[in-house]
Amino acid sequence: MLIDLAAMLGLNLLLPLGTITYPNAGTAIDLVWGNSEAASWMESYKVTDCHDHSSDHLPIETTLAVSIEAPQPTSPYNYTKTNRKELDSKLPPYLPSLASLNPDATSHQDVDNFASALINAISRAVEETTPRKKLCPDSKWWWNEELTALRREANRLRSIYRCTKADIDKTAWREKANYYTSKIRQVKRDKWREFVNSTNGKSIYQVKKYIASVPVASFTPTLDGHAASHNQKVELLQKNFFPYLPPARLIDISQAVYPQKAPFTAVIWPTT
C-alpha cells in the first residue's frame, strides 16, 4: 500500500544517499519523501550534530525556499469624515441601470450580477469620498477628534508651565487637564449608551460580556475571575505558589528529647 501510494503521488526519496541519522546501526531511520514540486522548494537537508540532545538518532534540519507574504490589515473607513455632498454626486453615475432587469425574463444569475454591480458601485463611491482610520495598538473605539485637540492643548500648557514654573501657568494647565479628563468620562458614557441602545440579537451577548467581566485598568486579564488589582493578583499567586506551611508536629521532637520512661513498680517490704 505504501509503494502504491508513493507511486500514485509521484514521491521520490529526497534524502541524500549516504546520510546517517541512526549512528548505532550506521543507517537512516528518518526518510524524506516528496514530489517534484517539494524537491524544487527544498534548499538543504542536513544532519545537525550541534543540536543533538542525547537522543538515539540525530536531529535533521530542513530548509525550504517558501516565501509567505504577511497579510496586510486594512483600516476601516472613518464614516464620520465622509464627504456627503461628494458621495451624493458620485454614487448615481456608478449605479447599474434598473432597465437591465426584466421581471419576466430575469434569472437568478442576472439578480446576482445586478447585486454585485450595486455593491461595487457603493464601494467605489465610498472609497473615493471616505478616508480610512489611522489605527494603532492603543486605539480606542470611543476616541474622537475633540479629545485629540484637548490632549494637545493640555500637553502644550504643561510644557509652558515646566518652562516658567509660574502659578498662573500651572492653574491654566490643571484646568485644561481636568476638563480633558472629565471629557473622556463623558465620551465613554455617551458611547456606551449609544452602543447599548443600538444593540441587536447578536451584539447583546457582547454587552453581557462587558457587564459580567471585571473592569481593569490594563489589558492584563483577571485571575481566578475576581483578582483584578495588582495587590489581589500578588496575594492570589503567593497563596497558590507559596502556600503557608502546616504547623510542625513537635511530638517527635518531644519524644526524642524527653523519652517516655517505662513504668516503675516499687516493692515495699514490711519491717519487723
Protein backbone atom coordinates (compact mmCIF):
# COMPACT_ATOMS: atom_id res chain seq x y z
CA MET A 1 0.00 0.00 0.00
CA LEU A 2 2.82 2.41 0.80
CA ILE A 3 4.57 1.68 -2.51
CA ASP A 4 1.36 2.18 -4.49
CA LEU A 5 0.62 5.43 -2.62
CA ALA A 6 4.14 6.77 -3.28
CA ALA A 7 3.86 5.87 -6.96
CA MET A 8 0.42 7.47 -7.27
CA LEU A 9 1.60 10.75 -5.67
CA GLY A 10 4.89 10.77 -7.57
CA LEU A 11 7.03 10.69 -4.43
CA ASN A 12 10.79 10.30 -4.58
CA LEU A 13 13.38 9.87 -1.87
CA LEU A 14 14.79 13.33 -1.18
CA LEU A 15 17.29 12.21 1.46
CA PRO A 16 20.85 12.34 0.02
CA LEU A 17 22.46 8.96 -0.36
CA GLY A 18 24.81 8.01 2.44
CA THR A 19 23.13 10.18 5.07
CA ILE A 20 23.30 8.54 8.51
CA THR A 21 20.73 9.58 11.07
CA TYR A 22 20.97 6.50 13.30
CA PRO A 23 24.65 6.14 14.30
CA ASN A 24 24.10 2.97 16.33
CA ALA A 25 23.33 1.00 13.18
CA GLY A 26 25.01 3.29 10.65
CA THR A 27 21.79 3.83 8.70
CA ALA A 28 18.98 6.35 8.22
CA ILE A 29 15.66 5.98 10.02
CA ASP A 30 14.31 9.44 9.08
CA LEU A 31 13.41 9.24 5.40
CA VAL A 32 12.27 12.31 3.47
CA TRP A 33 9.89 11.79 0.58
CA GLY A 34 8.39 14.35 -1.74
CA ASN A 35 7.21 15.04 -5.28
CA SER A 36 8.96 17.18 -7.84
CA GLU A 37 7.37 20.38 -6.52
CA ALA A 38 8.56 19.69 -2.98
CA ALA A 39 12.04 18.93 -4.32
CA SER A 40 12.14 22.32 -6.04
CA TRP A 41 11.31 24.05 -2.73
CA MET A 42 13.97 22.25 -0.71
CA GLU A 43 17.19 24.21 -0.35
CA SER A 44 19.08 22.00 2.07
CA TYR A 45 18.68 18.91 4.20
CA LYS A 46 21.42 18.06 6.66
CA VAL A 47 22.16 16.39 9.95
CA THR A 48 22.85 18.90 12.71
CA ASP A 49 25.12 17.43 15.36
CA CYS A 50 25.21 20.74 17.25
CA HIS A 51 21.53 20.37 18.16
CA ASP A 52 21.85 16.83 19.47
CA HIS A 53 20.30 16.28 22.90
CA SER A 54 21.48 12.72 23.63
CA SER A 55 18.80 11.07 21.51
CA ASP A 56 19.29 7.71 19.79
CA HIS A 57 19.12 9.42 16.38
CA LEU A 58 20.46 12.76 15.16
CA PRO A 59 18.25 15.80 14.50
CA ILE A 60 17.52 16.88 10.94
CA GLU A 61 17.50 20.44 9.66
CA THR A 62 15.44 21.11 6.54
CA THR A 63 15.39 24.45 4.75
CA LEU A 64 12.55 25.18 2.33
CA ALA A 65 12.51 28.09 -0.14
CA VAL A 66 8.97 29.13 0.69
CA SER A 67 8.09 32.81 1.00
CA ILE A 68 4.81 33.61 2.71
CA GLU A 69 3.57 37.16 2.46
CA ALA A 70 2.14 38.52 5.67
CA PRO A 71 -1.43 39.74 5.22
CA GLN A 72 -1.72 43.49 5.25
CA PRO A 73 -4.60 44.57 7.51
CA THR A 74 -6.92 47.15 6.03
CA SER A 75 -8.02 50.01 8.25
CA PRO A 76 -11.79 50.58 8.45
CA TYR A 77 -13.44 53.61 6.94
CA ASN A 78 -13.88 56.73 9.05
CA TYR A 79 -17.51 57.41 8.16
CA THR A 80 -17.65 60.46 10.44
CA LYS A 81 -15.43 62.26 7.90
CA THR A 82 -17.34 61.16 4.79
CA ASN A 83 -17.94 63.97 2.32
CA ARG A 84 -21.71 63.54 1.99
CA LYS A 85 -22.18 66.02 -0.84
CA GLU A 86 -19.43 64.44 -2.91
CA LEU A 87 -20.83 60.98 -2.17
CA ASP A 88 -24.30 62.02 -3.38
CA SER A 89 -22.83 63.33 -6.62
CA LYS A 90 -20.51 60.39 -7.36
CA LEU A 91 -22.79 57.50 -6.47
CA PRO A 92 -25.56 57.88 -9.15
CA PRO A 93 -23.23 57.51 -12.20
CA TYR A 94 -21.77 54.31 -10.74
CA LEU A 95 -25.12 52.62 -10.04
CA PRO A 96 -26.32 49.98 -12.55
CA SER A 97 -29.38 50.75 -14.60
CA LEU A 98 -32.67 49.25 -13.48
CA ALA A 99 -33.67 48.90 -17.13
CA SER A 100 -31.35 45.89 -17.40
CA LEU A 101 -33.67 43.92 -15.12
CA ASN A 102 -36.73 42.46 -16.80
CA PRO A 103 -39.09 41.00 -14.18
CA ASP A 104 -40.44 38.46 -16.70
CA ALA A 105 -37.10 37.22 -18.04
CA THR A 106 -34.71 37.71 -15.12
CA SER A 107 -32.81 34.66 -13.93
CA HIS A 108 -31.07 34.07 -10.64
CA GLN A 109 -27.74 34.80 -12.28
CA ASP A 110 -29.00 38.18 -13.51
CA VAL A 111 -30.09 39.11 -9.99
CA ASP A 112 -26.71 38.09 -8.57
CA ASN A 113 -24.88 40.12 -11.23
CA PHE A 114 -27.03 43.18 -10.52
CA ALA A 115 -26.40 42.85 -6.76
CA SER A 116 -22.64 42.58 -7.36
CA ALA A 117 -22.70 45.68 -9.58
CA LEU A 118 -24.67 47.56 -6.92
CA ILE A 119 -22.18 46.62 -4.19
CA ASN A 120 -19.22 47.59 -6.38
CA ALA A 121 -20.81 50.97 -7.13
CA ILE A 122 -21.34 51.77 -3.46
CA SER A 123 -17.86 50.56 -2.52
CA ARG A 124 -16.28 52.67 -5.26
CA ALA A 125 -18.13 55.82 -4.20
CA VAL A 126 -17.28 55.29 -0.53
CA GLU A 127 -13.62 54.64 -1.34
CA GLU A 128 -13.38 57.96 -3.19
CA THR A 129 -15.18 60.07 -0.56
CA THR A 130 -14.31 58.48 2.80
CA PRO A 131 -10.85 58.43 4.42
CA ARG A 132 -9.67 55.46 6.42
CA LYS A 133 -8.91 55.45 10.12
CA LYS A 134 -5.33 55.57 11.31
CA LEU A 135 -5.31 52.78 13.86
CA CYS A 136 -2.60 51.85 16.32
CA PRO A 137 -2.41 49.16 19.06
CA ASP A 138 -3.62 51.71 21.63
CA SER A 139 -6.62 52.92 19.60
CA LYS A 140 -9.92 53.23 21.46
CA TRP A 141 -13.28 52.82 19.79
CA TRP A 142 -14.71 55.77 21.74
CA TRP A 143 -11.93 58.22 20.85
CA ASN A 144 -12.73 61.27 18.71
CA GLU A 145 -11.02 64.33 17.27
CA GLU A 146 -12.19 66.60 20.08
CA LEU A 147 -10.28 64.54 22.63
CA THR A 148 -7.18 64.72 20.45
CA ALA A 149 -7.38 68.51 20.38
CA LEU A 150 -7.93 68.70 24.14
CA ARG A 151 -4.97 66.42 24.83
CA ARG A 152 -2.68 68.51 22.64
CA GLU A 153 -3.80 71.70 24.34
CA ALA A 154 -3.26 70.20 27.81
CA ASN A 155 0.21 69.00 26.83
CA ARG A 156 1.05 72.44 25.42
CA LEU A 157 0.05 74.16 28.65
CA ARG A 158 2.02 71.62 30.66
CA SER A 159 5.14 72.35 28.61
CA ILE A 160 4.68 76.08 29.24
CA TYR A 161 4.39 75.51 32.99
CA ARG A 162 7.53 73.35 33.03
CA CYS A 163 9.46 76.21 31.43
CA THR A 164 8.07 79.10 33.52
CA LYS A 165 7.17 77.40 36.83
CA ALA A 166 4.59 80.17 37.28
CA ASP A 167 1.45 79.59 39.34
CA ILE A 168 -0.79 81.13 36.70
CA ASP A 169 0.52 78.73 34.07
CA LYS A 170 0.07 75.81 36.46
CA THR A 171 -3.53 76.83 37.08
CA ALA A 172 -4.26 77.05 33.36
CA TRP A 173 -2.66 73.67 32.76
CA ARG A 174 -4.55 71.93 35.59
CA GLU A 175 -7.89 73.41 34.49
CA LYS A 176 -7.40 72.18 30.94
CA ALA A 177 -6.17 68.77 32.13
CA ASN A 178 -9.15 68.34 34.46
CA TYR A 179 -11.55 69.31 31.69
CA TYR A 180 -9.82 66.81 29.38
CA THR A 181 -10.25 64.04 31.96
CA SER A 182 -13.92 64.84 32.54
CA LYS A 183 -14.49 64.94 28.78
CA ILE A 184 -13.07 61.43 28.46
CA ARG A 185 -15.54 60.14 31.07
CA GLN A 186 -18.41 61.87 29.26
CA VAL A 187 -17.42 60.46 25.85
CA LYS A 188 -17.10 56.96 27.28
CA ARG A 189 -20.53 57.21 28.90
CA ASP A 190 -22.19 58.55 25.75
CA LYS A 191 -20.54 55.91 23.55
CA TRP A 192 -21.62 53.12 25.88
CA ARG A 193 -25.23 54.35 25.92
CA GLU A 194 -25.20 54.58 22.13
CA PHE A 195 -23.83 51.03 21.90
CA VAL A 196 -26.46 49.63 24.29
CA ASN A 197 -29.35 51.46 22.61
CA SER A 198 -28.35 50.15 19.17
CA THR A 199 -27.84 46.55 20.28
CA ASN A 200 -29.48 43.63 18.49
CA GLY A 201 -29.85 39.89 18.91
CA LYS A 202 -26.20 39.33 18.05
CA SER A 203 -24.48 42.14 19.92
CA ILE A 204 -26.49 41.62 23.11
CA TYR A 205 -24.07 38.85 24.09
CA GLN A 206 -21.16 41.28 23.76
CA VAL A 207 -22.97 43.70 26.07
CA LYS A 208 -23.45 40.89 28.58
CA LYS A 209 -19.75 40.05 28.36
CA TYR A 210 -18.77 43.65 29.07
CA ILE A 211 -21.11 43.84 32.06
CA ALA A 212 -20.14 40.48 33.57
CA SER A 213 -16.36 40.98 33.28
CA VAL A 214 -14.39 42.74 36.00
CA PRO A 215 -13.11 46.11 34.73
CA VAL A 216 -9.35 46.51 34.87
CA ALA A 217 -7.07 49.42 34.11
CA SER A 218 -4.87 47.42 31.72
CA PHE A 219 -5.09 44.65 29.17
CA THR A 220 -3.93 42.04 31.73
CA PRO A 221 -6.88 39.69 32.35
CA THR A 222 -8.22 38.96 35.79
CA LEU A 223 -7.06 35.90 37.70
CA ASP A 224 -9.50 33.39 39.09
CA GLY A 225 -12.37 35.58 37.94
CA HIS A 226 -12.01 38.28 40.61
CA ALA A 227 -8.35 39.24 41.14
CA ALA A 228 -8.06 42.48 39.11
CA SER A 229 -5.73 44.81 41.02
CA HIS A 230 -2.01 44.32 41.44
CA ASN A 231 -2.25 43.52 45.15
CA GLN A 232 -5.05 40.99 44.59
CA LYS A 233 -3.01 39.17 41.94
CA VAL A 234 0.10 39.12 44.13
CA GLU A 235 -1.88 37.69 47.03
CA LEU A 236 -3.53 35.05 44.84
CA LEU A 237 -0.25 33.97 43.21
CA GLN A 238 1.52 33.87 46.56
CA LYS A 239 -1.27 31.77 48.03
CA ASN A 240 -1.10 29.20 45.21
CA PHE A 241 2.65 29.04 44.55
CA PHE A 242 3.92 29.68 48.08
CA PRO A 243 1.25 28.34 50.45
CA TYR A 244 1.71 28.60 54.16
CA LEU A 245 3.32 25.52 55.66
CA PRO A 246 1.24 23.49 58.06
CA PRO A 247 2.19 23.71 61.75
CA ALA A 248 5.10 21.49 62.65
CA ARG A 249 4.45 18.29 64.55
CA LEU A 250 6.52 18.64 67.68
CA ILE A 251 5.56 15.30 69.16
CA ASP A 252 8.53 13.56 67.52
CA ILE A 253 10.95 16.15 68.88
CA SER A 254 9.49 15.94 72.40
CA GLN A 255 9.81 12.15 72.42
CA ALA A 256 13.44 12.37 71.30
CA VAL A 257 14.41 14.94 73.95
CA TYR A 258 12.20 13.67 76.72
CA PRO A 259 11.66 9.97 76.08
CA GLN A 260 8.87 8.34 77.99
CA LYS A 261 10.20 6.14 80.78
CA ALA A 262 8.96 2.66 81.49
CA PRO A 263 6.55 2.39 84.39
CA PHE A 264 8.33 1.86 87.77
CA THR A 265 6.99 -0.63 90.25
CA ALA A 266 8.11 -0.33 93.86
CA VAL A 267 8.05 -3.23 96.26
CA ILE A 268 7.97 -2.30 99.96
CA TRP A 269 8.80 -5.00 102.45
CA PRO A 270 7.22 -4.73 105.81
CA THR A 271 9.64 -4.16 108.66
CA THR A 272 9.72 -6.30 111.70
